[in-house]
C-alpha atoms as a PDB file:
ATOM      1  CA  MET A   1     183.531 162.665  76.092  1.00  0.00           C
ATOM      2  CA  ILE A   2     174.295 167.781  77.428  1.00  0.00           C
ATOM      3  CA  ASN A   3     169.442 174.188  80.516  1.00  0.00           C
ATOM      4  CA  PHE A   4     168.679 176.402  78.699  1.00  0.00           C
ATOM      5  CA  LYS A   5     172.068 177.248  78.101  1.00  0.00           C
ATOM      6  CA  LYS A   6     173.968 173.671  77.997  1.00  0.00           C
ATOM      7  CA  ILE A   7     172.944 170.463  79.269  1.00  0.00           C
ATOM      8  CA  ASN A   8     176.081 167.294  79.924  1.00  0.00           C
ATOM      9  CA  LEU A   9     174.235 164.198  78.463  1.00  0.00           C
ATOM     10  CA  CYS A  10     176.604 161.176  79.422  1.00  0.00           C
ATOM     11  CA  PHE A  11     176.287 158.128  77.435  1.00  0.00           C
ATOM     12  CA  LEU A  12     178.392 154.876  78.194  1.00  0.00           C
ATOM     13  CA  LEU A  13     178.496 154.137  74.178  1.00  0.00           C
ATOM     14  CA  ILE A  14     179.550 156.676  74.496  1.00  0.00           C
ATOM     15  CA  VAL A  15     181.033 156.533  78.401  1.00  0.00           C
ATOM     16  CA  VAL A  16     181.446 158.192  74.191  1.00  0.00           C
ATOM     17  CA  ILE A  17     181.567 158.421  77.659  1.00  0.00           C
ATOM     18  CA  LEU A  18     179.800 159.643  75.124  1.00  0.00           C
ATOM     19  CA  ASN A  19     180.017 163.103  75.834  1.00  0.00           C
ATOM     20  CA  PHE A  20     176.738 164.750  74.979  1.00  0.00           C
ATOM     21  CA  PHE A  21     175.370 168.417  74.592  1.00  0.00           C
ATOM     22  CA  PHE A  22     172.453 169.844  73.997  1.00  0.00           C
ATOM     23  CA  VAL A  23     173.139 173.760  71.934  1.00  0.00           C
ATOM     24  CA  ALA A  24     172.008 176.393  73.466  1.00  0.00           C
ATOM     25  CA  PRO A  25     170.396 178.979  71.080  1.00  0.00           C
ATOM     26  CA  SER A  26     171.456 182.729  70.400  1.00  0.00           C
ATOM     27  CA  TYR A  27     169.113 184.218  69.919  1.00  0.00           C
ATOM     28  CA  SER A  28     166.560 186.368  72.172  1.00  0.00           C
ATOM     29  CA  SER A  29     162.555 186.611  71.158  1.00  0.00           C
ATOM     30  CA  ILE A  30     159.267 185.867  71.531  1.00  0.00           C
ATOM     31  CA  ASN A  31     158.028 183.819  74.634  1.00  0.00           C
ATOM     32  CA  SER A  32     156.276 181.775  72.244  1.00  0.00           C
ATOM     33  CA  ARG A  33     159.780 180.859  70.059  1.00  0.00           C
ATOM     34  CA  GLU A  34     161.406 180.277  73.237  1.00  0.00           C
ATOM     35  CA  ASP A  35     159.231 178.083  75.094  1.00  0.00           C
ATOM     36  CA  LEU A  36     158.621 176.018  72.072  1.00  0.00           C
ATOM     37  CA  PHE A  37     162.750 175.485  71.711  1.00  0.00           C
ATOM     38  CA  ASN A  38     162.443 175.607  75.789  1.00  0.00           C
ATOM     39  CA  ASN A  39     159.552 172.735  75.836  1.00  0.00           C
ATOM     40  CA  ALA A  40     161.552 170.600  73.127  1.00  0.00           C
ATOM     41  CA  LEU A  41     164.385 170.952  75.383  1.00  0.00           C
ATOM     42  CA  ASP A  42     163.556 169.655  78.676  1.00  0.00           C
ATOM     43  CA  LEU A  43     162.287 166.616  77.254  1.00  0.00           C
ATOM     44  CA  SER A  44     165.474 165.844  75.390  1.00  0.00           C
ATOM     45  CA  SER A  45     166.441 166.278  78.850  1.00  0.00           C
ATOM     46  CA  LYS A  46     164.348 164.081  81.009  1.00  0.00           C
ATOM     47  CA  GLY A  47     165.153 161.195  78.283  1.00  0.00           C
ATOM     48  CA  ASP A  48     161.566 161.967  76.377  1.00  0.00           C
ATOM     49  CA  PHE A  49     163.161 161.527  73.120  1.00  0.00           C
ATOM     50  CA  ASN A  50     160.496 160.144  70.374  1.00  0.00           C
ATOM     51  CA  ILE A  51     158.371 162.703  71.460  1.00  0.00           C
ATOM     52  CA  ALA A  52     161.382 165.363  71.909  1.00  0.00           C
ATOM     53  CA  LEU A  53     161.621 164.549  68.612  1.00  0.00           C
ATOM     54  CA  LYS A  54     158.002 165.340  67.020  1.00  0.00           C
ATOM     55  CA  GLN A  55     158.463 168.834  69.798  1.00  0.00           C
ATOM     56  CA  TRP A  56     161.515 169.455  67.617  1.00  0.00           C
ATOM     57  CA  ASN A  57     160.360 168.711  63.959  1.00  0.00           C
ATOM     58  CA  SER A  58     157.574 170.916  64.908  1.00  0.00           C
ATOM     59  CA  TYR A  59     159.411 173.967  66.129  1.00  0.00           C
ATOM     60  CA  LEU A  60     161.828 173.340  62.879  1.00  0.00           C
ATOM     61  CA  GLU A  61     159.069 173.446  60.252  1.00  0.00           C
ATOM     62  CA  LEU A  62     158.666 176.935  61.892  1.00  0.00           C
ATOM     63  CA  TYR A  63     162.268 178.062  62.340  1.00  0.00           C
ATOM     64  CA  PRO A  64     164.129 176.152  59.310  1.00  0.00           C
ATOM     65  CA  ASP A  65     167.475 177.761  59.661  1.00  0.00           C
ATOM     66  CA  ASP A  66     167.544 177.922  64.097  1.00  0.00           C
ATOM     67  CA  ALA A  67     171.473 175.756  63.956  1.00  0.00           C
ATOM     68  CA  ALA A  68     170.761 175.781  67.924  1.00  0.00           C
ATOM     69  CA  ALA A  69     167.886 173.879  67.523  1.00  0.00           C
ATOM     70  CA  LEU A  70     168.674 171.217  63.993  1.00  0.00           C
ATOM     71  CA  SER A  71     171.959 170.407  66.397  1.00  0.00           C
ATOM     72  CA  ASN A  72     169.756 169.238  69.344  1.00  0.00           C
ATOM     73  CA  ARG A  73     167.203 167.317  67.373  1.00  0.00           C
ATOM     74  CA  GLY A  74     170.649 165.910  65.600  1.00  0.00           C
ATOM     75  CA  ASN A  75     171.938 164.517  69.697  1.00  0.00           C
ATOM     76  CA  VAL A  76     167.733 162.634  69.490  1.00  0.00           C
ATOM     77  CA  LYS A  77     168.340 160.939  67.199  1.00  0.00           C
ATOM     78  CA  LEU A  78     171.401 160.104  67.570  1.00  0.00           C
ATOM     79  CA  VAL A  79     169.786 158.712  70.870  1.00  0.00           C
ATOM     80  CA  ILE A  80     166.983 156.477  69.466  1.00  0.00           C
ATOM     81  CA  GLY A  81     169.316 154.810  66.453  1.00  0.00           C
ATOM     82  CA  ASP A  82     168.787 157.651  63.418  1.00  0.00           C
ATOM     83  CA  THR A  83     172.192 158.458  63.455  1.00  0.00           C
ATOM     84  CA  GLU A  84     172.821 159.253  59.537  1.00  0.00           C
ATOM     85  CA  GLY A  85     170.031 161.623  59.799  1.00  0.00           C
ATOM     86  CA  SER A  86     171.815 162.804  63.356  1.00  0.00           C
ATOM     87  CA  ILE A  87     174.961 163.439  61.363  1.00  0.00           C
ATOM     88  CA  ASN A  88     172.507 165.785  58.938  1.00  0.00           C
ATOM     89  CA  ASP A  89     171.185 167.529  61.410  1.00  0.00           C
ATOM     90  CA  GLN A  90     174.522 168.495  62.791  1.00  0.00           C
ATOM     91  CA  GLU A  91     176.011 168.854  59.034  1.00  0.00           C
ATOM     92  CA  LYS A  92     173.063 171.136  58.811  1.00  0.00           C
ATOM     93  CA  ALA A  93     174.009 173.655  61.613  1.00  0.00           C
ATOM     94  CA  ILE A  94     177.733 173.899  60.829  1.00  0.00           C
ATOM     95  CA  ASN A  95     176.796 175.255  57.804  1.00  0.00           C
ATOM     96  CA  LEU A  96     174.483 177.967  60.004  1.00  0.00           C
ATOM     97  CA  ASN A  97     176.467 178.379  62.540  1.00  0.00           C
ATOM     98  CA  PRO A  98     180.163 177.350  61.555  1.00  0.00           C
ATOM     99  CA  ASN A  99     181.086 178.688  65.079  1.00  0.00           C
ATOM    100  CA  GLU A 100     179.373 176.532  67.365  1.00  0.00           C
ATOM    101  CA  VAL A 101     182.521 173.700  68.491  1.00  0.00           C
ATOM    102  CA  ASP A 102     179.200 171.647  70.201  1.00  0.00           C
ATOM    103  CA  SER A 103     178.349 170.919  66.451  1.00  0.00           C
ATOM    104  CA  TYR A 104     181.634 169.670  64.990  1.00  0.00           C
ATOM    105  CA  ILE A 105     181.194 167.377  68.921  1.00  0.00           C
ATOM    106  CA  ASN A 106     177.716 166.095  68.295  1.00  0.00           C
ATOM    107  CA  ARG A 107     179.082 165.596  65.080  1.00  0.00           C
ATOM    108  CA  GLY A 108     181.873 163.595  65.984  1.00  0.00           C
ATOM    109  CA  ILE A 109     180.397 161.662  68.614  1.00  0.00           C
ATOM    110  CA  ALA A 110     177.448 160.046  65.614  1.00  0.00           C
ATOM    111  CA  GLU A 111     180.283 159.083  63.518  1.00  0.00           C
ATOM    112  CA  GLU A 112     181.954 157.148  65.856  1.00  0.00           C
ATOM    113  CA  ALA A 113     178.523 155.576  66.492  1.00  0.00           C
ATOM    114  CA  LEU A 114     178.970 154.810  62.307  1.00  0.00           C
ATOM    115  CA  GLY A 115     183.041 153.762  62.874  1.00  0.00           C
ATOM    116  CA  LEU A 116     183.996 156.756  61.302  1.00  0.00           C
ATOM    117  CA  TRP A 117     187.197 157.334  63.431  1.00  0.00           C
ATOM    118  CA  LEU A 118     188.789 159.680  60.797  1.00  0.00           C
ATOM    119  CA  LEU A 119     185.768 162.180  60.722  1.00  0.00           C
ATOM    120  CA  ALA A 120     184.758 161.722  63.781  1.00  0.00           C
ATOM    121  CA  LYS A 121     188.684 162.650  64.745  1.00  0.00           C
ATOM    122  CA  LYS A 122     188.824 165.475  62.072  1.00  0.00           C
ATOM    123  CA  ASP A 123     185.279 166.648  64.354  1.00  0.00           C
ATOM    124  CA  TYR A 124     186.782 166.962  67.573  1.00  0.00           C
ATOM    125  CA  LYS A 125     191.330 168.357  66.120  1.00  0.00           C
ATOM    126  CA  PHE A 126     189.130 170.929  64.956  1.00  0.00           C
ATOM    127  CA  VAL A 127     187.352 171.425  68.368  1.00  0.00           C
ATOM    128  CA  ILE A 128     190.730 171.482  69.906  1.00  0.00           C
ATOM    129  CA  SER A 129     191.965 173.789  67.026  1.00  0.00           C
ATOM    130  CA  LYS A 130     189.604 176.821  68.640  1.00  0.00           C
ATOM    131  CA  ASP A 131     188.998 175.819  72.190  1.00  0.00           C
ATOM    132  CA  SER A 132     192.460 174.265  73.129  1.00  0.00           C
ATOM    133  CA  ASP A 133     191.102 172.989  77.155  1.00  0.00           C
ATOM    134  CA  ASN A 134     187.872 171.860  75.221  1.00  0.00           C
ATOM    135  CA  PHE A 135     188.141 168.585  78.016  1.00  0.00           C
ATOM    136  CA  SER A 136     184.796 166.920  75.620  1.00  0.00           C
ATOM    137  CA  ALA A 137     186.827 166.441  72.011  1.00  0.00           C
ATOM    138  CA  LEU A 138     190.079 165.665  74.241  1.00  0.00           C
ATOM    139  CA  TYR A 139     188.503 162.863  75.770  1.00  0.00           C
ATOM    140  CA  ASN A 140     186.370 162.063  72.713  1.00  0.00           C
ATOM    141  CA  LEU A 141     189.750 162.152  70.275  1.00  0.00           C
ATOM    142  CA  ALA A 142     191.618 159.967  72.970  1.00  0.00           C
ATOM    143  CA  ASN A 143     188.813 157.493  72.439  1.00  0.00           C
ATOM    144  CA  VAL A 144     189.185 158.131  68.788  1.00  0.00           C
ATOM    145  CA  GLU A 145     192.793 157.450  68.819  1.00  0.00           C
ATOM    146  CA  GLY A 146     192.447 154.527  71.214  1.00  0.00           C
ATOM    147  CA  SER A 147     189.679 152.997  68.844  1.00  0.00           C
ATOM    148  CA  LEU A 148     192.993 153.098  65.813  1.00  0.00           C
ATOM    149  CA  SER A 149     195.177 151.609  68.193  1.00  0.00           C
ATOM    150  CA  ASN A 150     197.359 154.767  69.030  1.00  0.00           C
ATOM    151  CA  TRP A 151     197.587 154.199  72.648  1.00  0.00           C
ATOM    152  CA  GLU A 152     200.364 156.866  73.527  1.00  0.00           C
ATOM    153  CA  ASN A 153     198.189 159.809  71.427  1.00  0.00           C
ATOM    154  CA  ALA A 154     195.355 158.996  73.719  1.00  0.00           C
ATOM    155  CA  ARG A 155     196.832 158.437  76.726  1.00  0.00           C
ATOM    156  CA  ASP A 156     198.139 160.811  75.928  1.00  0.00           C
ATOM    157  CA  LEU A 157     194.910 162.754  75.139  1.00  0.00           C
ATOM    158  CA  PHE A 158     192.648 161.293  78.162  1.00  0.00           C
ATOM    159  CA  SER A 159     196.030 162.593  80.893  1.00  0.00           C
ATOM    160  CA  GLN A 160     194.933 166.549  79.002  1.00  0.00           C
ATOM    161  CA  ALA A 161     191.288 165.566  79.765  1.00  0.00           C
ATOM    162  CA  ALA A 162     191.695 164.141  82.634  1.00  0.00           C
ATOM    163  CA  SER A 163     193.992 168.136  83.763  1.00  0.00           C
ATOM    164  CA  TYR A 164     191.888 170.353  82.321  1.00  0.00           C
ATOM    165  CA  ASN A 165     188.307 169.031  84.406  1.00  0.00           C
ATOM    166  CA  THR A 166     189.359 167.368  87.724  1.00  0.00           C
ATOM    167  CA  GLU A 167     186.254 165.864  88.506  1.00  0.00           C
ATOM    168  CA  PHE A 168     186.408 164.155  86.131  1.00  0.00           C
ATOM    169  CA  ALA A 169     186.960 160.757  87.101  1.00  0.00           C
ATOM    170  CA  MET A 170     186.588 158.483  84.006  1.00  0.00           C
ATOM    171  CA  ALA A 171     188.516 160.543  82.130  1.00  0.00           C
ATOM    172  CA  ARG A 172     191.667 159.381  84.858  1.00  0.00           C
ATOM    173  CA  SER A 173     190.334 155.912  85.015  1.00  0.00           C
ATOM    174  CA  SER A 174     190.918 155.373  80.900  1.00  0.00           C
ATOM    175  CA  MET A 175     194.057 157.365  81.322  1.00  0.00           C
ATOM    176  CA  ALA A 176     194.836 153.987  83.806  1.00  0.00           C
ATOM    177  CA  LEU A 177     193.994 152.297  81.335  1.00  0.00           C
ATOM    178  CA  ALA A 178     195.834 153.462  78.299  1.00  0.00           C
ATOM    179  CA  ASP A 179     198.571 152.984  80.951  1.00  0.00           C
ATOM    180  CA  TYR A 180     197.885 149.764  81.623  1.00  0.00           C
ATOM    181  CA  GLN A 181     197.573 148.552  77.447  1.00  0.00           C
ATOM    182  CA  LEU A 182     201.252 149.920  77.179  1.00  0.00           C
ATOM    183  CA  GLY A 183     202.886 148.221  79.852  1.00  0.00           C
ATOM    184  CA  ASN A 184     203.554 151.290  82.376  1.00  0.00           C
ATOM    185  CA  PHE A 185     201.784 148.700  85.330  1.00  0.00           C
ATOM    186  CA  ASP A 186     203.093 150.597  88.691  1.00  0.00           C
ATOM    187  CA  GLU A 187     201.539 154.054  87.024  1.00  0.00           C
ATOM    188  CA  SER A 188     197.944 152.291  86.114  1.00  0.00           C
ATOM    189  CA  GLU A 189     197.849 150.778  89.787  1.00  0.00           C
ATOM    190  CA  LYS A 190     199.053 153.919  90.915  1.00  0.00           C
ATOM    191  CA  GLU A 191     196.132 156.004  89.733  1.00  0.00           C
ATOM    192  CA  LEU A 192     193.316 153.500  89.805  1.00  0.00           C
ATOM    193  CA  LYS A 193     193.757 153.551  94.078  1.00  0.00           C
ATOM    194  CA  LYS A 194     194.000 156.917  94.078  1.00  0.00           C
ATOM    195  CA  LEU A 195     190.206 157.122  91.808  1.00  0.00           C
ATOM    196  CA  ILE A 196     188.917 154.728  94.771  1.00  0.00           C
ATOM    197  CA  ARG A 197     190.129 156.273  97.045  1.00  0.00           C
ATOM    198  CA  ARG A 198     188.573 159.261  95.798  1.00  0.00           C
ATOM    199  CA  TYR A 199     185.674 157.696  94.696  1.00  0.00           C
ATOM    200  CA  PRO A 200     184.976 153.913  96.252  1.00  0.00           C
ATOM    201  CA  ALA A 201     181.599 153.147  94.668  1.00  0.00           C
ATOM    202  CA  PHE A 202     183.567 154.407  90.509  1.00  0.00           C
ATOM    203  CA  ALA A 203     182.927 150.298  89.219  1.00  0.00           C
ATOM    204  CA  ASP A 204     185.248 151.619  86.099  1.00  0.00           C
ATOM    205  CA  ALA A 205     188.399 151.702  87.832  1.00  0.00           C
ATOM    206  CA  ARG A 206     188.118 148.524  89.845  1.00  0.00           C
ATOM    207  CA  ALA A 207     187.190 146.976  87.143  1.00  0.00           C
ATOM    208  CA  ALA A 208     190.167 147.976  85.896  1.00  0.00           C
ATOM    209  CA  LEU A 209     192.369 147.360  89.588  1.00  0.00           C
ATOM    210  CA  THR A 210     190.754 143.720  89.588  1.00  0.00           C
ATOM    211  CA  ALA A 211     192.388 143.026  86.604  1.00  0.00           C
ATOM    212  CA  LEU A 212     195.474 144.548  86.807  1.00  0.00           C
ATOM    213  CA  ASN A 213     196.053 142.958  90.685  1.00  0.00           C
ATOM    214  CA  TRP A 214     194.629 139.675  88.828  1.00  0.00           C
ATOM    215  CA  SER A 215     197.486 139.432  85.832  1.00  0.00           C
ATOM    216  CA  ARG A 216     200.203 140.509  88.734  1.00  0.00           C
ATOM    217  CA  GLY A 217     199.377 137.881  91.213  1.00  0.00           C
ATOM    218  CA  MET A 218     197.157 139.403  93.532  1.00  0.00           C
ATOM    219  CA  SER A 219     194.118 137.386  93.573  1.00  0.00           C
ATOM    220  CA  GLY A 220     193.093 138.617  96.678  1.00  0.00           C
ATOM    221  CA  GLN A 221     192.667 141.567  96.046  1.00  0.00           C
ATOM    222  CA  ALA A 222     191.415 141.678  92.435  1.00  0.00           C
ATOM    223  CA  GLU A 223     188.125 138.805  94.035  1.00  0.00           C
ATOM    224  CA  SER A 224     187.673 141.522  96.490  1.00  0.00           C
ATOM    225  CA  ASN A 225     187.393 144.992  93.779  1.00  0.00           C
ATOM    226  CA  TRP A 226     185.028 142.320  91.839  1.00  0.00           C
ATOM    227  CA  ILE A 227     182.542 142.168  94.451  1.00  0.00           C
ATOM    228  CA  ALA A 228     182.385 145.451  95.139  1.00  0.00           C
ATOM    229  CA  VAL A 229     181.872 145.964  90.891  1.00  0.00           C
ATOM    230  CA  THR A 230     179.703 143.288  90.533  1.00  0.00           C
ATOM    231  CA  GLU A 231     177.054 144.919  92.706  1.00  0.00           C
ATOM    232  CA  LEU A 232     177.655 148.141  91.392  1.00  0.00           C
ATOM    233  CA  ASP A 233     177.640 147.713  87.656  1.00  0.00           C
ATOM    234  CA  PRO A 234     177.604 144.465  86.121  1.00  0.00           C
ATOM    235  CA  ARG A 235     177.872 145.386  82.900  1.00  0.00           C
ATOM    236  CA  TYR A 236     181.106 144.844  83.584  1.00  0.00           C
ATOM    237  CA  SER A 237     181.679 141.457  83.393  1.00  0.00           C
ATOM    238  CA  ASP A 238     179.852 141.324  79.554  1.00  0.00           C
ATOM    239  CA  GLU A 239     182.945 142.257  76.329  1.00  0.00           C
ATOM    240  CA  GLU A 240     180.876 143.316  73.707  1.00  0.00           C
ATOM    241  CA  TRP A 241     180.106 146.182  76.143  1.00  0.00           C
ATOM    242  CA  LEU A 242     183.372 146.456  77.538  1.00  0.00           C
ATOM    243  CA  ILE A 243     185.037 147.040  73.899  1.00  0.00           C
ATOM    244  CA  ARG A 244     182.330 148.447  72.221  1.00  0.00           C
ATOM    245  CA  VAL A 245     179.991 150.478  74.547  1.00  0.00           C
ATOM    246  CA  ARG A 246     182.727 150.968  77.176  1.00  0.00           C
ATOM    247  CA  ARG A 247     186.039 151.461  74.574  1.00  0.00           C
ATOM    248  CA  TRP A 248     188.039 149.759  76.918  1.00  0.00           C
ATOM    249  CA  PRO A 249     191.900 148.460  75.872  1.00  0.00           C
ATOM    250  CA  PRO A 250     192.655 145.228  74.674  1.00  0.00           C
ATOM    251  CA  GLU A 251     194.582 144.020  76.906  1.00  0.00           C
ATOM    252  CA  PRO A 252     193.021 144.619  80.235  1.00  0.00           C
ATOM    253  CA  THR A 253     189.383 143.695  78.482  1.00  0.00           C
ATOM    254  CA  LYS A 254     191.308 140.227  78.291  1.00  0.00           C
ATOM    255  CA  ASP A 255     192.921 140.145  81.433  1.00  0.00           C
ATOM    256  CA  LEU A 256     189.237 140.765  83.342  1.00  0.00           C
ATOM    257  CA  MET A 257     187.587 137.782  81.437  1.00  0.00           C
ATOM    258  CA  LYS A 258     190.039 135.446  82.240  1.00  0.00           C
ATOM    259  CA  PHE A 259     189.241 136.563  85.856  1.00  0.00           C
ATOM    260  CA  ILE A 260     185.973 136.037  85.318  1.00  0.00           C
ATOM    261  CA  ALA A 261     186.592 132.885  83.337  1.00  0.00           C
ATOM    262  CA  LEU A 262     188.091 131.400  86.826  1.00  0.00           C
ATOM    263  CA  LYS A 263     185.352 131.645  88.738  1.00  0.00           C
END
């Protein structure tokens, strides 16, 4: 819903998909400081999170008022499970640089991890008020609305996120799933088929179409898509992952689980 400029990490938690940003520093300084920052950022980007945390700690001991470093460390803390520490770092970054919207997105992601939907919603809406075409904030806000069972709002927000980033396939798939939840089955099927034609290996769309086909009595088509899903991503057979991590709506989840139970 994370380069020295900005690197985007997608977590199917997140995916808060979560969308997750490492913030670029706003300073221009001596090479030693820049090297320290880049080293920590590189470790974070490669997924060496425990080592990256030590590097961010060392950097922040020298430069405690660097908002970008605080936000980056907060992202690392979230990944390794220190969600409250992540929020604390994002709040420090926001206090130091209240106009940097990525820190609000990062705090919102951490708030979502704790189920603090209204706080996350407030952060994402703030970002959108400053940057109306910020597709990450729109997508994450849509996930929050879904968690609050506001599927009409979620569907509209997923659509907006997809319109601002036409390559954001997960937003389009999530929009189709919201249509599914709302009973707009023809619209959902049309969008899912378009996604599969464009991205044949996109497991999310194939899994959603499996559930939709089965619910409409098209068992052969459901079986065909499910075979592909099991080869692409076996997590779609895990109901808890589907609801809590991928954030599917209840109706398609229920239908997919019924299909799997009959196999």
